[in-house]
Amino acid sequence: MLLRPDQTLYNFVCCKHVVQKRSLLVMLTMLAVAGLVLPASAQSDSDLTIVYLDVGQGDSTIIRMPNGKAMLIDGGEREQTQTILNMAADLGIKEFDVVVATHPHADHIGGLIGVFDVFPVGRVLDSGQFHTTKTFEDYLTAIEENKIPYAMARDGDTIDLDPTVELRVLNPPATLPFGSHDPDQFNNNSVVVKLAYGEFTAIFPGDIEQATEKRLAGSDIDVDVLLASHHGSRYSNTAPYLAAASPEAMIIYSGADNTYGYPHEETLERISNLEPILFRTDLDGHIKLVANQTHYRIETSATDKTVVVPEFQDLVVVSLLPIAAIIVTRRFSAWRS
């Protein structure tokens, strides 16, 4: 794979084991780059594909399972329906077997309304929280009029779509009653899903804040890829939660020049302390992740970045050049000075 000069620094190969076990090692060596990096065009029907959609100031994630079944988590605002449908077509998805609405805010459920009206949906899972907005009323009406099966998601539930992919619900707690209406807790009661495919893991947290992050930090949330909570809000993405997740890569959903100032600088600093590879929809556009049993690859639409993360222990390729590569570990204090 030939790299343009502006691509070079964004083509990484990294390993979490190095972050935990080593300090600084820099070595220049000649190697066959093709042996480490899968060309971006190569993709198998058995791969797991996740697309973090650029839907402006909102969330929307499409997950295509290795067996072809698909799940949609959130839908952004109303005007983002076509963005979802276009990506579904690009991925060859003809039905969303499951749609998860993490919580009843418009920037998460608005785009789902149009999807329900024009696209086959197998069932809808949400937090069971009720809102008084017109958007939420239209969301419920679209589910009812299109006769889509509906259920609440609760901690401990599993979503069975593919025998090779584990989808486990981590939140909201089982004690949350159906029809709960507490706007102050809408975010903390977001549906949180943890995905595992072979050695690859990821978490989709909705807009959870400090209280829920504290509870989750005490459980097994160590993952390869973490979606930042609540668009990178300072009131989420707490240091203990991020440390417990210990991600190799993080994704932030935020709209360009949004009025909330997302992602907040405090959050970016906390993330920087962990040194994951960071992607942002406001900068990178659509973010596509493809995983198989040996590695995963992340590509961006707006900035044309490519990141390949293989299951190689003790090895990190920070800059891939046509002839040589710099092999380093990732927990490096000297590198930043």
C-alpha atoms as a PDB file:
ATOM      1  CA  MET A   1       0.000   0.000   0.000  1.00  0.00           C
ATOM      2  CA  LEU A   2       1.517   3.299  -1.114  1.00  0.00           C
ATOM      3  CA  LEU A   3       1.175   6.160   1.314  1.00  0.00           C
ATOM      4  CA  ARG A   4       1.007   9.851   0.580  1.00  0.00           C
ATOM      5  CA  PRO A   5       3.177  12.052   2.826  1.00  0.00           C
ATOM      6  CA  ASP A   6       0.140  13.288   4.761  1.00  0.00           C
ATOM      7  CA  GLN A   7      -0.965   9.711   5.427  1.00  0.00           C
ATOM      8  CA  THR A   8       2.292   8.378   6.828  1.00  0.00           C
ATOM      9  CA  LEU A   9       1.925   9.418  10.461  1.00  0.00           C
ATOM     10  CA  TYR A  10      -1.588   8.008  10.603  1.00  0.00           C
ATOM     11  CA  ASN A  11      -0.684   4.471   9.632  1.00  0.00           C
ATOM     12  CA  PHE A  12       0.010   2.769  12.918  1.00  0.00           C
ATOM     13  CA  VAL A  13       0.315  -0.764  14.127  1.00  0.00           C
ATOM     14  CA  CYS A  14      -0.087  -0.993  17.872  1.00  0.00           C
ATOM     15  CA  CYS A  15      -0.583  -3.455  20.703  1.00  0.00           C
ATOM     16  CA  LYS A  16      -2.131  -2.908  24.117  1.00  0.00           C
ATOM     17  CA  HIS A  17       0.224  -5.396  25.770  1.00  0.00           C
ATOM     18  CA  VAL A  18       3.133  -3.049  25.069  1.00  0.00           C
ATOM     19  CA  VAL A  19       1.353  -0.150  26.749  1.00  0.00           C
ATOM     20  CA  GLN A  20       1.044  -2.152  29.927  1.00  0.00           C
ATOM     21  CA  LYS A  21       4.426  -3.841  30.080  1.00  0.00           C
ATOM     22  CA  ARG A  22       7.189  -1.763  28.512  1.00  0.00           C
ATOM     23  CA  SER A  23       8.660   1.752  28.620  1.00  0.00           C
ATOM     24  CA  LEU A  24      10.777   3.088  25.731  1.00  0.00           C
ATOM     25  CA  LEU A  25      12.320   1.085  22.911  1.00  0.00           C
ATOM     26  CA  VAL A  26      13.121   2.632  19.566  1.00  0.00           C
ATOM     27  CA  MET A  27      14.690   0.560  16.835  1.00  0.00           C
ATOM     28  CA  LEU A  28      15.079   1.186  13.123  1.00  0.00           C
ATOM     29  CA  THR A  29      14.885  -1.938  11.029  1.00  0.00           C
ATOM     30  CA  MET A  30      14.367  -3.119   7.485  1.00  0.00           C
ATOM     31  CA  LEU A  31      11.255  -5.227   7.111  1.00  0.00           C
ATOM     32  CA  ALA A  32       8.653  -6.335   4.646  1.00  0.00           C
ATOM     33  CA  VAL A  33       5.842  -3.910   5.336  1.00  0.00           C
ATOM     34  CA  ALA A  34       3.397  -5.996   3.346  1.00  0.00           C
ATOM     35  CA  GLY A  35       3.767  -8.744   5.894  1.00  0.00           C
ATOM     36  CA  LEU A  36       2.269  -6.534   8.594  1.00  0.00           C
ATOM     37  CA  VAL A  37      -0.364  -4.479   6.819  1.00  0.00           C
ATOM     38  CA  LEU A  38      -3.460  -5.702   5.049  1.00  0.00           C
ATOM     39  CA  PRO A  39      -4.288  -3.563   1.996  1.00  0.00           C
ATOM     40  CA  ALA A  40      -7.262  -1.323   2.648  1.00  0.00           C
ATOM     41  CA  SER A  41      -9.224  -2.820  -0.234  1.00  0.00           C
ATOM     42  CA  ALA A  42      -9.034  -6.382   1.093  1.00  0.00           C
ATOM     43  CA  GLN A  43     -12.152  -7.370   3.024  1.00  0.00           C
ATOM     44  CA  SER A  44     -13.732 -10.740   3.628  1.00  0.00           C
ATOM     45  CA  ASP A  45     -17.426 -11.528   3.911  1.00  0.00           C
ATOM     46  CA  SER A  46     -16.594 -13.035   7.316  1.00  0.00           C
ATOM     47  CA  ASP A  47     -15.306  -9.728   8.710  1.00  0.00           C
ATOM     48  CA  LEU A  48     -17.081  -7.688  11.358  1.00  0.00           C
ATOM     49  CA  THR A  49     -17.700  -4.130  10.147  1.00  0.00           C
ATOM     50  CA  ILE A  50     -18.500  -1.129  12.339  1.00  0.00           C
ATOM     51  CA  VAL A  51     -19.169   2.316  10.885  1.00  0.00           C
ATOM     52  CA  TYR A  52     -19.274   5.331  13.182  1.00  0.00           C
ATOM     53  CA  LEU A  53     -21.327   7.675  11.010  1.00  0.00           C
ATOM     54  CA  ASP A  54     -20.665  11.378  10.692  1.00  0.00           C
ATOM     55  CA  VAL A  55     -24.148  12.605  11.590  1.00  0.00           C
ATOM     56  CA  GLY A  56     -23.155  16.033  12.831  1.00  0.00           C
ATOM     57  CA  GLN A  57     -23.952  16.624  16.501  1.00  0.00           C
ATOM     58  CA  GLY A  58     -25.356  13.183  17.244  1.00  0.00           C
ATOM     59  CA  ASP A  59     -24.615   9.449  17.409  1.00  0.00           C
ATOM     60  CA  SER A  60     -25.241   6.704  14.870  1.00  0.00           C
ATOM     61  CA  THR A  61     -23.362   3.432  14.499  1.00  0.00           C
ATOM     62  CA  ILE A  62     -23.930   0.604  12.027  1.00  0.00           C
ATOM     63  CA  ILE A  63     -22.580  -2.861  12.833  1.00  0.00           C
ATOM     64  CA  ARG A  64     -22.565  -5.564  10.153  1.00  0.00           C
ATOM     65  CA  MET A  65     -21.993  -9.021  11.589  1.00  0.00           C
ATOM     66  CA  PRO A  66     -19.813 -11.656   9.888  1.00  0.00           C
ATOM     67  CA  ASN A  67     -22.970 -13.615   8.997  1.00  0.00           C
ATOM     68  CA  GLY A  68     -24.481 -10.559   7.284  1.00  0.00           C
ATOM     69  CA  LYS A  69     -26.971  -9.536   9.963  1.00  0.00           C
ATOM     70  CA  ALA A  70     -26.915  -5.890  10.991  1.00  0.00           C
ATOM     71  CA  MET A  71     -27.515  -3.677  13.998  1.00  0.00           C
ATOM     72  CA  LEU A  72     -28.024   0.074  14.136  1.00  0.00           C
ATOM     73  CA  ILE A  73     -27.268   1.941  17.365  1.00  0.00           C
ATOM     74  CA  ASP A  74     -28.899   5.405  17.424  1.00  0.00           C
ATOM     75  CA  GLY A  75     -29.733   7.571  14.439  1.00  0.00           C
ATOM     76  CA  GLY A  76     -28.653  11.167  14.990  1.00  0.00           C
ATOM     77  CA  GLU A  77     -31.147  13.976  14.362  1.00  0.00           C
ATOM     78  CA  ARG A  78     -34.114  13.645  11.973  1.00  0.00           C
ATOM     79  CA  GLU A  79     -32.231  14.951   8.942  1.00  0.00           C
ATOM     80  CA  GLN A  80     -29.679  12.123   9.208  1.00  0.00           C
ATOM     81  CA  THR A  81     -31.977   9.334   8.018  1.00  0.00           C
ATOM     82  CA  GLN A  82     -30.567   9.414   4.490  1.00  0.00           C
ATOM     83  CA  THR A  83     -26.998   9.293   5.824  1.00  0.00           C
ATOM     84  CA  ILE A  84     -27.886   6.022   7.537  1.00  0.00           C
ATOM     85  CA  LEU A  85     -29.631   4.592   4.488  1.00  0.00           C
ATOM     86  CA  ASN A  86     -26.760   5.520   2.175  1.00  0.00           C
ATOM     87  CA  MET A  87     -24.231   3.758   4.391  1.00  0.00           C
ATOM     88  CA  ALA A  88     -26.476   0.720   4.748  1.00  0.00           C
ATOM     89  CA  ALA A  89     -26.593   0.485   0.955  1.00  0.00           C
ATOM     90  CA  ASP A  90     -22.808   0.826   0.718  1.00  0.00           C
ATOM     91  CA  LEU A  91     -22.435  -2.065   3.176  1.00  0.00           C
ATOM     92  CA  GLY A  92     -24.960  -4.242   1.351  1.00  0.00           C
ATOM     93  CA  ILE A  93     -27.383  -4.150   4.291  1.00  0.00           C
ATOM     94  CA  LYS A  94     -31.010  -4.714   3.347  1.00  0.00           C
ATOM     95  CA  GLU A  95     -32.452  -4.915   6.874  1.00  0.00           C
ATOM     96  CA  PHE A  96     -31.512  -3.834  10.367  1.00  0.00           C
ATOM     97  CA  ASP A  97     -32.170  -6.941  12.415  1.00  0.00           C
ATOM     98  CA  VAL A  98     -31.906  -4.905  15.607  1.00  0.00           C
ATOM     99  CA  VAL A  99     -32.067  -1.153  16.210  1.00  0.00           C
ATOM    100  CA  VAL A 100     -30.884   0.100  19.601  1.00  0.00           C
ATOM    101  CA  ALA A 101     -31.987   3.538  20.761  1.00  0.00           C
ATOM    102  CA  THR A 102     -29.700   4.289  23.693  1.00  0.00           C
ATOM    103  CA  HIS A 103     -31.901   6.999  25.244  1.00  0.00           C
ATOM    104  CA  PRO A 104     -34.718   9.345  24.169  1.00  0.00           C
ATOM    105  CA  HIS A 105     -32.801  12.483  23.180  1.00  0.00           C
ATOM    106  CA  ALA A 106     -33.408  13.797  19.655  1.00  0.00           C
ATOM    107  CA  ASP A 107     -29.751  13.612  18.596  1.00  0.00           C
ATOM    108  CA  HIS A 108     -29.917   9.843  19.117  1.00  0.00           C
ATOM    109  CA  ILE A 109     -33.431   8.886  17.984  1.00  0.00           C
ATOM    110  CA  GLY A 110     -34.405  11.549  15.426  1.00  0.00           C
ATOM    111  CA  GLY A 111     -32.926   9.811  12.402  1.00  0.00           C
ATOM    112  CA  LEU A 112     -34.449   6.488  13.417  1.00  0.00           C
ATOM    113  CA  ILE A 113     -37.972   7.721  12.671  1.00  0.00           C
ATOM    114  CA  GLY A 114     -37.356   7.898   8.932  1.00  0.00           C
ATOM    115  CA  VAL A 115     -35.504   4.581   8.997  1.00  0.00           C
ATOM    116  CA  PHE A 116     -38.514   2.861  10.596  1.00  0.00           C
ATOM    117  CA  ASP A 117     -40.783   4.264   7.875  1.00  0.00           C
ATOM    118  CA  VAL A 118     -38.788   3.142   4.824  1.00  0.00           C
ATOM    119  CA  PHE A 119     -36.377   0.365   5.832  1.00  0.00           C
ATOM    120  CA  PRO A 120     -37.006  -3.148   7.184  1.00  0.00           C
ATOM    121  CA  VAL A 121     -36.315  -3.410  10.934  1.00  0.00           C
ATOM    122  CA  GLY A 122     -36.501  -6.679  12.869  1.00  0.00           C
ATOM    123  CA  ARG A 123     -36.911  -5.261  16.375  1.00  0.00           C
ATOM    124  CA  VAL A 124     -36.200  -2.191  18.487  1.00  0.00           C
ATOM    125  CA  LEU A 125     -34.463  -2.179  21.851  1.00  0.00           C
ATOM    126  CA  ASP A 126     -34.270   0.904  24.023  1.00  0.00           C
ATOM    127  CA  SER A 127     -33.899   2.043  27.620  1.00  0.00           C
ATOM    128  CA  GLY A 128     -37.636   2.121  28.330  1.00  0.00           C
ATOM    129  CA  GLN A 129     -37.401   5.794  29.296  1.00  0.00           C
ATOM    130  CA  PHE A 130     -40.145   8.129  28.089  1.00  0.00           C
ATOM    131  CA  HIS A 131     -39.749  11.724  26.966  1.00  0.00           C
ATOM    132  CA  THR A 132     -42.381  14.411  26.322  1.00  0.00           C
ATOM    133  CA  THR A 133     -40.879  15.776  23.085  1.00  0.00           C
ATOM    134  CA  LYS A 134     -42.507  15.596  19.658  1.00  0.00           C
ATOM    135  CA  THR A 135     -39.474  13.706  18.404  1.00  0.00           C
ATOM    136  CA  PHE A 136     -39.962  10.968  20.988  1.00  0.00           C
ATOM    137  CA  GLU A 137     -43.703  10.783  20.275  1.00  0.00           C
ATOM    138  CA  ASP A 138     -42.978  10.394  16.552  1.00  0.00           C
ATOM    139  CA  TYR A 139     -40.391   7.716  17.380  1.00  0.00           C
ATOM    140  CA  LEU A 140     -42.993   5.660  19.265  1.00  0.00           C
ATOM    141  CA  THR A 141     -45.585   6.246  16.548  1.00  0.00           C
ATOM    142  CA  ALA A 142     -43.202   5.016  13.835  1.00  0.00           C
ATOM    143  CA  ILE A 143     -42.511   1.832  15.814  1.00  0.00           C
ATOM    144  CA  GLU A 144     -46.236   1.206  16.299  1.00  0.00           C
ATOM    145  CA  GLU A 145     -47.375   2.054  12.768  1.00  0.00           C
ATOM    146  CA  ASN A 146     -44.685  -0.107  11.194  1.00  0.00           C
ATOM    147  CA  LYS A 147     -45.488  -2.962  13.596  1.00  0.00           C
ATOM    148  CA  ILE A 148     -41.885  -3.319  14.740  1.00  0.00           C
ATOM    149  CA  PRO A 149     -41.377  -5.591  17.764  1.00  0.00           C
ATOM    150  CA  TYR A 150     -40.157  -3.598  20.762  1.00  0.00           C
ATOM    151  CA  ALA A 151     -38.431  -4.512  24.031  1.00  0.00           C
ATOM    152  CA  MET A 152     -36.445  -2.881  26.812  1.00  0.00           C
ATOM    153  CA  ALA A 153     -32.723  -3.610  27.201  1.00  0.00           C
ATOM    154  CA  ARG A 154     -31.342  -4.191  30.672  1.00  0.00           C
ATOM    155  CA  ASP A 155     -28.012  -5.024  32.280  1.00  0.00           C
ATOM    156  CA  GLY A 156     -27.248  -8.714  31.736  1.00  0.00           C
ATOM    157  CA  ASP A 157     -29.237  -9.064  28.501  1.00  0.00           C
ATOM    158  CA  THR A 158     -27.594 -10.420  25.374  1.00  0.00           C
ATOM    159  CA  ILE A 159     -28.419  -9.647  21.758  1.00  0.00           C
ATOM    160  CA  ASP A 160     -28.190 -12.756  19.596  1.00  0.00           C
ATOM    161  CA  LEU A 161     -27.413 -11.944  15.982  1.00  0.00           C
ATOM    162  CA  ASP A 162     -24.317 -13.970  15.113  1.00  0.00           C
ATOM    163  CA  PRO A 163     -22.884 -16.988  16.989  1.00  0.00           C
ATOM    164  CA  THR A 164     -19.374 -15.571  16.576  1.00  0.00           C
ATOM    165  CA  VAL A 165     -20.233 -12.159  18.044  1.00  0.00           C
ATOM    166  CA  GLU A 166     -21.147 -11.567  21.690  1.00  0.00           C
ATOM    167  CA  LEU A 167     -23.333  -8.518  22.297  1.00  0.00           C
ATOM    168  CA  ARG A 168     -23.903  -7.901  25.991  1.00  0.00           C
ATOM    169  CA  VAL A 169     -25.950  -5.110  27.568  1.00  0.00           C
ATOM    170  CA  LEU A 170     -24.177  -3.413  30.514  1.00  0.00           C
ATOM    171  CA  ASN A 171     -26.724  -0.669  31.266  1.00  0.00           C
ATOM    172  CA  PRO A 172     -29.357   0.463  32.273  1.00  0.00           C
ATOM    173  CA  PRO A 173     -29.722  -1.454  35.531  1.00  0.00           C
ATOM    174  CA  ALA A 174     -32.417  -4.089  35.757  1.00  0.00           C
ATOM    175  CA  THR A 175     -34.179  -2.032  38.442  1.00  0.00           C
ATOM    176  CA  LEU A 176     -35.024   0.842  36.071  1.00  0.00           C
ATOM    177  CA  PRO A 177     -38.818   0.704  35.556  1.00  0.00           C
ATOM    178  CA  PHE A 178     -40.480   0.860  32.158  1.00  0.00           C
ATOM    179  CA  GLY A 179     -41.788   4.322  31.335  1.00  0.00           C
ATOM    180  CA  SER A 180     -39.342   6.084  33.622  1.00  0.00           C
ATOM    181  CA  HIS A 181     -39.384   9.840  33.063  1.00  0.00           C
ATOM    182  CA  ASP A 182     -36.501  11.583  34.786  1.00  0.00           C
ATOM    183  CA  PRO A 183     -34.789  13.900  32.287  1.00  0.00           C
ATOM    184  CA  ASP A 184     -31.843  14.342  34.651  1.00  0.00           C
ATOM    185  CA  GLN A 185     -31.150  10.604  34.361  1.00  0.00           C
ATOM    186  CA  PHE A 186     -31.802  10.053  30.649  1.00  0.00           C
ATOM    187  CA  ASN A 187     -28.070  10.053  29.911  1.00  0.00           C
ATOM    188  CA  ASN A 188     -26.986   7.853  32.807  1.00  0.00           C
ATOM    189  CA  ASN A 189     -29.663   5.311  31.890  1.00  0.00           C
ATOM    190  CA  SER A 190     -28.436   4.998  28.316  1.00  0.00           C
ATOM    191  CA  VAL A 191     -28.263   1.506  26.869  1.00  0.00           C
ATOM    192  CA  VAL A 192     -24.595   0.440  26.906  1.00  0.00           C
ATOM    193  CA  VAL A 193     -23.516  -2.448  24.672  1.00  0.00           C
ATOM    194  CA  LYS A 194     -20.232  -4.346  24.800  1.00  0.00           C
ATOM    195  CA  LEU A 195     -19.236  -6.265  21.674  1.00  0.00           C
ATOM    196  CA  ALA A 196     -16.734  -9.125  21.493  1.00  0.00           C
ATOM    197  CA  TYR A 197     -15.631 -10.840  18.273  1.00  0.00           C
ATOM    198  CA  GLY A 198     -12.739 -13.204  18.853  1.00  0.00           C
ATOM    199  CA  GLU A 199     -10.097 -11.098  20.570  1.00  0.00           C
ATOM    200  CA  PHE A 200     -11.621  -7.819  19.367  1.00  0.00           C
ATOM    201  CA  THR A 201     -13.783  -5.846  21.795  1.00  0.00           C
ATOM    202  CA  ALA A 202     -15.639  -2.515  21.730  1.00  0.00           C
ATOM    203  CA  ILE A 203     -18.099  -0.562  23.869  1.00  0.00           C
ATOM    204  CA  PHE A 204     -20.948   1.711  22.749  1.00  0.00           C
ATOM    205  CA  PRO A 205     -21.955   3.790  25.807  1.00  0.00           C
ATOM    206  CA  GLY A 206     -24.537   6.306  24.612  1.00  0.00           C
ATOM    207  CA  ASP A 207     -24.431   9.422  26.766  1.00  0.00           C
ATOM    208  CA  ILE A 208     -23.599   7.913  30.159  1.00  0.00           C
ATOM    209  CA  GLU A 209     -22.097  10.248  32.740  1.00  0.00           C
ATOM    210  CA  GLN A 210     -20.013   9.952  35.893  1.00  0.00           C
ATOM    211  CA  ALA A 211     -22.418   7.886  38.021  1.00  0.00           C
ATOM    212  CA  THR A 212     -22.819   5.106  35.461  1.00  0.00           C
ATOM    213  CA  GLU A 213     -19.177   5.213  34.462  1.00  0.00           C
ATOM    214  CA  LYS A 214     -18.252   4.676  38.120  1.00  0.00           C
ATOM    215  CA  ARG A 215     -20.421   1.561  38.276  1.00  0.00           C
ATOM    216  CA  LEU A 216     -19.113   0.184  34.990  1.00  0.00           C
ATOM    217  CA  ALA A 217     -15.487   0.829  35.940  1.00  0.00           C
ATOM    218  CA  GLY A 218     -15.824  -1.875  38.554  1.00  0.00           C
ATOM    219  CA  SER A 219     -16.687  -4.506  35.945  1.00  0.00           C
ATOM    220  CA  ASP A 220     -14.874  -6.017  32.969  1.00  0.00           C
ATOM    221  CA  ILE A 221     -14.872  -3.163  30.461  1.00  0.00           C
ATOM    222  CA  ASP A 222     -11.332  -3.568  29.117  1.00  0.00           C
ATOM    223  CA  VAL A 223     -11.713  -3.065  25.348  1.00  0.00           C
ATOM    224  CA  ASP A 224      -9.771  -2.436  22.181  1.00  0.00           C
ATOM    225  CA  VAL A 225     -12.008   0.384  20.914  1.00  0.00           C
ATOM    226  CA  LEU A 226     -14.039   2.726  23.106  1.00  0.00           C
ATOM    227  CA  LEU A 227     -16.645   5.173  21.900  1.00  0.00           C
ATOM    228  CA  ALA A 228     -16.367   8.298  24.057  1.00  0.00           C
ATOM    229  CA  SER A 229     -19.380   8.910  26.271  1.00  0.00           C
ATOM    230  CA  HIS A 230     -21.688  11.856  25.547  1.00  0.00           C
ATOM    231  CA  HIS A 231     -19.749  13.314  22.615  1.00  0.00           C
ATOM    232  CA  GLY A 232     -16.642  13.906  24.725  1.00  0.00           C
ATOM    233  CA  SER A 233     -18.377  15.854  27.497  1.00  0.00           C
ATOM    234  CA  ARG A 234     -16.317  16.917  30.523  1.00  0.00           C
ATOM    235  CA  TYR A 235     -19.013  15.370  32.727  1.00  0.00           C
ATOM    236  CA  SER A 236     -18.341  11.960  31.208  1.00  0.00           C
ATOM    237  CA  ASN A 237     -15.186  10.073  30.214  1.00  0.00           C
ATOM    238  CA  THR A 238     -13.892  10.123  33.769  1.00  0.00           C
ATOM    239  CA  ALA A 239     -10.313   9.082  34.449  1.00  0.00           C
ATOM    240  CA  PRO A 240     -11.168   5.860  36.376  1.00  0.00           C
ATOM    241  CA  TYR A 241     -13.579   4.766  33.634  1.00  0.00           C
ATOM    242  CA  LEU A 242     -11.067   5.412  30.865  1.00  0.00           C
ATOM    243  CA  ALA A 243      -8.354   3.604  32.816  1.00  0.00           C
ATOM    244  CA  ALA A 244     -10.627   0.581  33.313  1.00  0.00           C
ATOM    245  CA  ALA A 245     -11.433   0.481  29.608  1.00  0.00           C
ATOM    246  CA  SER A 246      -7.773   1.007  28.609  1.00  0.00           C
ATOM    247  CA  PRO A 247      -8.593   1.333  24.898  1.00  0.00           C
ATOM    248  CA  GLU A 248      -6.134   1.154  22.034  1.00  0.00           C
ATOM    249  CA  ALA A 249      -8.377   3.473  20.012  1.00  0.00           C
ATOM    250  CA  MET A 250     -11.174   5.913  20.831  1.00  0.00           C
ATOM    251  CA  ILE A 251     -13.921   7.468  18.741  1.00  0.00           C
ATOM    252  CA  ILE A 252     -15.641  10.777  19.522  1.00  0.00           C
ATOM    253  CA  TYR A 253     -18.998  11.726  18.002  1.00  0.00           C
ATOM    254  CA  SER A 254     -19.247  15.504  17.696  1.00  0.00           C
ATOM    255  CA  GLY A 255     -20.471  18.018  15.151  1.00  0.00           C
ATOM    256  CA  ALA A 256     -18.138  20.561  13.617  1.00  0.00           C
ATOM    257  CA  ASP A 257     -18.288  23.871  15.516  1.00  0.00           C
ATOM    258  CA  ASN A 258     -21.104  22.576  17.731  1.00  0.00           C
ATOM    259  CA  THR A 259     -22.575  24.982  20.277  1.00  0.00           C
ATOM    260  CA  TYR A 260     -21.751  22.687  23.219  1.00  0.00           C
ATOM    261  CA  GLY A 261     -18.022  22.889  22.670  1.00  0.00           C
ATOM    262  CA  TYR A 262     -17.727  19.087  22.339  1.00  0.00           C
ATOM    263  CA  PRO A 263     -15.353  17.469  22.800  1.00  0.00           C
ATOM    264  CA  HIS A 264     -14.344  19.418  25.888  1.00  0.00           C
ATOM    265  CA  GLU A 265     -10.684  20.144  26.496  1.00  0.00           C
ATOM    266  CA  GLU A 266     -10.743  18.401  29.882  1.00  0.00           C
ATOM    267  CA  THR A 267     -11.901  15.218  28.168  1.00  0.00           C
ATOM    268  CA  LEU A 268      -9.269  15.455  25.463  1.00  0.00           C
ATOM    269  CA  GLU A 269      -6.609  15.820  28.142  1.00  0.00           C
ATOM    270  CA  ARG A 270      -7.829  12.736  30.018  1.00  0.00           C
ATOM    271  CA  ILE A 271      -7.875  10.763  26.791  1.00  0.00           C
ATOM    272  CA  SER A 272      -4.407  12.007  25.879  1.00  0.00           C
ATOM    273  CA  ASN A 273      -3.061  10.693  29.178  1.00  0.00           C
ATOM    274  CA  LEU A 274      -3.966   7.167  28.035  1.00  0.00           C
ATOM    275  CA  GLU A 275      -2.429   7.718  24.582  1.00  0.00           C
ATOM    276  CA  PRO A 276      -4.975   5.832  22.479  1.00  0.00           C
ATOM    277  CA  ILE A 277      -5.301   6.454  18.754  1.00  0.00           C
ATOM    278  CA  LEU A 278      -8.068   9.068  18.573  1.00  0.00           C
ATOM    279  CA  PHE A 279     -10.675   9.633  15.870  1.00  0.00           C
ATOM    280  CA  ARG A 280     -13.365  12.331  15.729  1.00  0.00           C
ATOM    281  CA  THR A 281     -16.315  12.482  13.371  1.00  0.00           C
ATOM    282  CA  ASP A 282     -16.118  16.294  13.250  1.00  0.00           C
ATOM    283  CA  LEU A 283     -12.601  15.977  11.813  1.00  0.00           C
ATOM    284  CA  ASP A 284     -12.433  12.513  10.248  1.00  0.00           C
ATOM    285  CA  GLY A 285     -15.953  12.089   8.849  1.00  0.00           C
ATOM    286  CA  HIS A 286     -17.278   8.536   8.706  1.00  0.00           C
ATOM    287  CA  ILE A 287     -15.012   6.146  10.630  1.00  0.00           C
ATOM    288  CA  LYS A 288     -15.044   2.545   9.378  1.00  0.00           C
ATOM    289  CA  LEU A 289     -13.625  -0.334  11.416  1.00  0.00           C
ATOM    290  CA  VAL A 290     -13.171  -3.817   9.960  1.00  0.00           C
ATOM    291  CA  ALA A 291     -12.180  -6.678  12.285  1.00  0.00           C
ATOM    292  CA  ASN A 292     -11.350 -10.339  11.790  1.00  0.00           C
ATOM    293  CA  GLN A 293      -9.698 -12.960  13.955  1.00  0.00           C
ATOM    294  CA  THR A 294      -6.163 -11.596  13.512  1.00  0.00           C
ATOM    295  CA  HIS A 295      -6.388  -7.792  13.376  1.00  0.00           C
ATOM    296  CA  TYR A 296      -8.644  -4.810  12.908  1.00  0.00           C
ATOM    297  CA  ARG A 297      -8.373  -1.860  10.567  1.00  0.00           C
ATOM    298  CA  ILE A 298      -9.785   1.664  10.911  1.00  0.00           C
ATOM    299  CA  GLU A 299     -10.285   3.987   7.938  1.00  0.00           C
ATOM    300  CA  THR A 300     -11.668   7.526   7.766  1.00  0.00           C
ATOM    301  CA  SER A 301     -13.605   9.187   4.959  1.00  0.00           C
ATOM    302  CA  ALA A 302     -12.649  12.850   5.379  1.00  0.00           C
ATOM    303  CA  THR A 303      -8.984  12.578   6.336  1.00  0.00           C
ATOM    304  CA  ASP A 304      -8.114   9.328   4.521  1.00  0.00           C
ATOM    305  CA  LYS A 305      -6.359   7.817   7.532  1.00  0.00           C
ATOM    306  CA  THR A 306      -5.711   4.102   7.814  1.00  0.00           C
ATOM    307  CA  VAL A 307      -4.806   2.312  11.040  1.00  0.00           C
ATOM    308  CA  VAL A 308      -4.087  -1.422  11.220  1.00  0.00           C
ATOM    309  CA  VAL A 309      -3.876  -3.128  14.608  1.00  0.00           C
ATOM    310  CA  PRO A 310      -2.654  -6.743  14.473  1.00  0.00           C
ATOM    311  CA  GLU A 311      -2.535  -9.267  17.289  1.00  0.00           C
ATOM    312  CA  PHE A 312       1.266  -9.023  17.500  1.00  0.00           C
ATOM    313  CA  GLN A 313       2.538  -8.715  21.047  1.00  0.00           C
ATOM    314  CA  ASP A 314       5.385  -6.360  21.961  1.00  0.00           C
ATOM    315  CA  LEU A 315       5.402  -4.588  18.585  1.00  0.00           C
ATOM    316  CA  VAL A 316       4.251  -1.158  17.535  1.00  0.00           C
ATOM    317  CA  VAL A 317       4.889   0.342  14.115  1.00  0.00           C
ATOM    318  CA  VAL A 318       4.401   4.070  14.437  1.00  0.00           C
ATOM    319  CA  SER A 319       5.350   5.161  10.935  1.00  0.00           C
ATOM    320  CA  LEU A 320       5.206   2.919   7.915  1.00  0.00           C
ATOM    321  CA  LEU A 321       7.635   3.921   5.177  1.00  0.00           C
ATOM    322  CA  PRO A 322       8.132   2.235   1.787  1.00  0.00           C
ATOM    323  CA  ILE A 323      11.387   0.578   2.904  1.00  0.00           C
ATOM    324  CA  ALA A 324      11.747   0.777   6.668  1.00  0.00           C
ATOM    325  CA  ALA A 325       9.652   1.142   9.783  1.00  0.00           C
ATOM    326  CA  ILE A 326      10.284   2.600  13.198  1.00  0.00           C
ATOM    327  CA  ILE A 327       9.358   0.047  15.806  1.00  0.00           C
ATOM    328  CA  VAL A 328       8.566   1.496  19.184  1.00  0.00           C
ATOM    329  CA  THR A 329       6.497   0.848  22.233  1.00  0.00           C
ATOM    330  CA  ARG A 330       3.614   3.156  23.061  1.00  0.00           C
ATOM    331  CA  ARG A 331       4.200   4.092  26.681  1.00  0.00           C
ATOM    332  CA  PHE A 332       7.029   6.506  25.940  1.00  0.00           C
ATOM    333  CA  SER A 333       7.759   9.568  28.017  1.00  0.00           C
ATOM    334  CA  ALA A 334      10.849  10.538  26.053  1.00  0.00           C
ATOM    335  CA  TRP A 335       8.993  10.543  22.742  1.00  0.00           C
ATOM    336  CA  ARG A 336       6.721  13.375  23.871  1.00  0.00           C
ATOM    337  CA  SER A 337       9.501  15.655  25.104  1.00  0.00           C
END
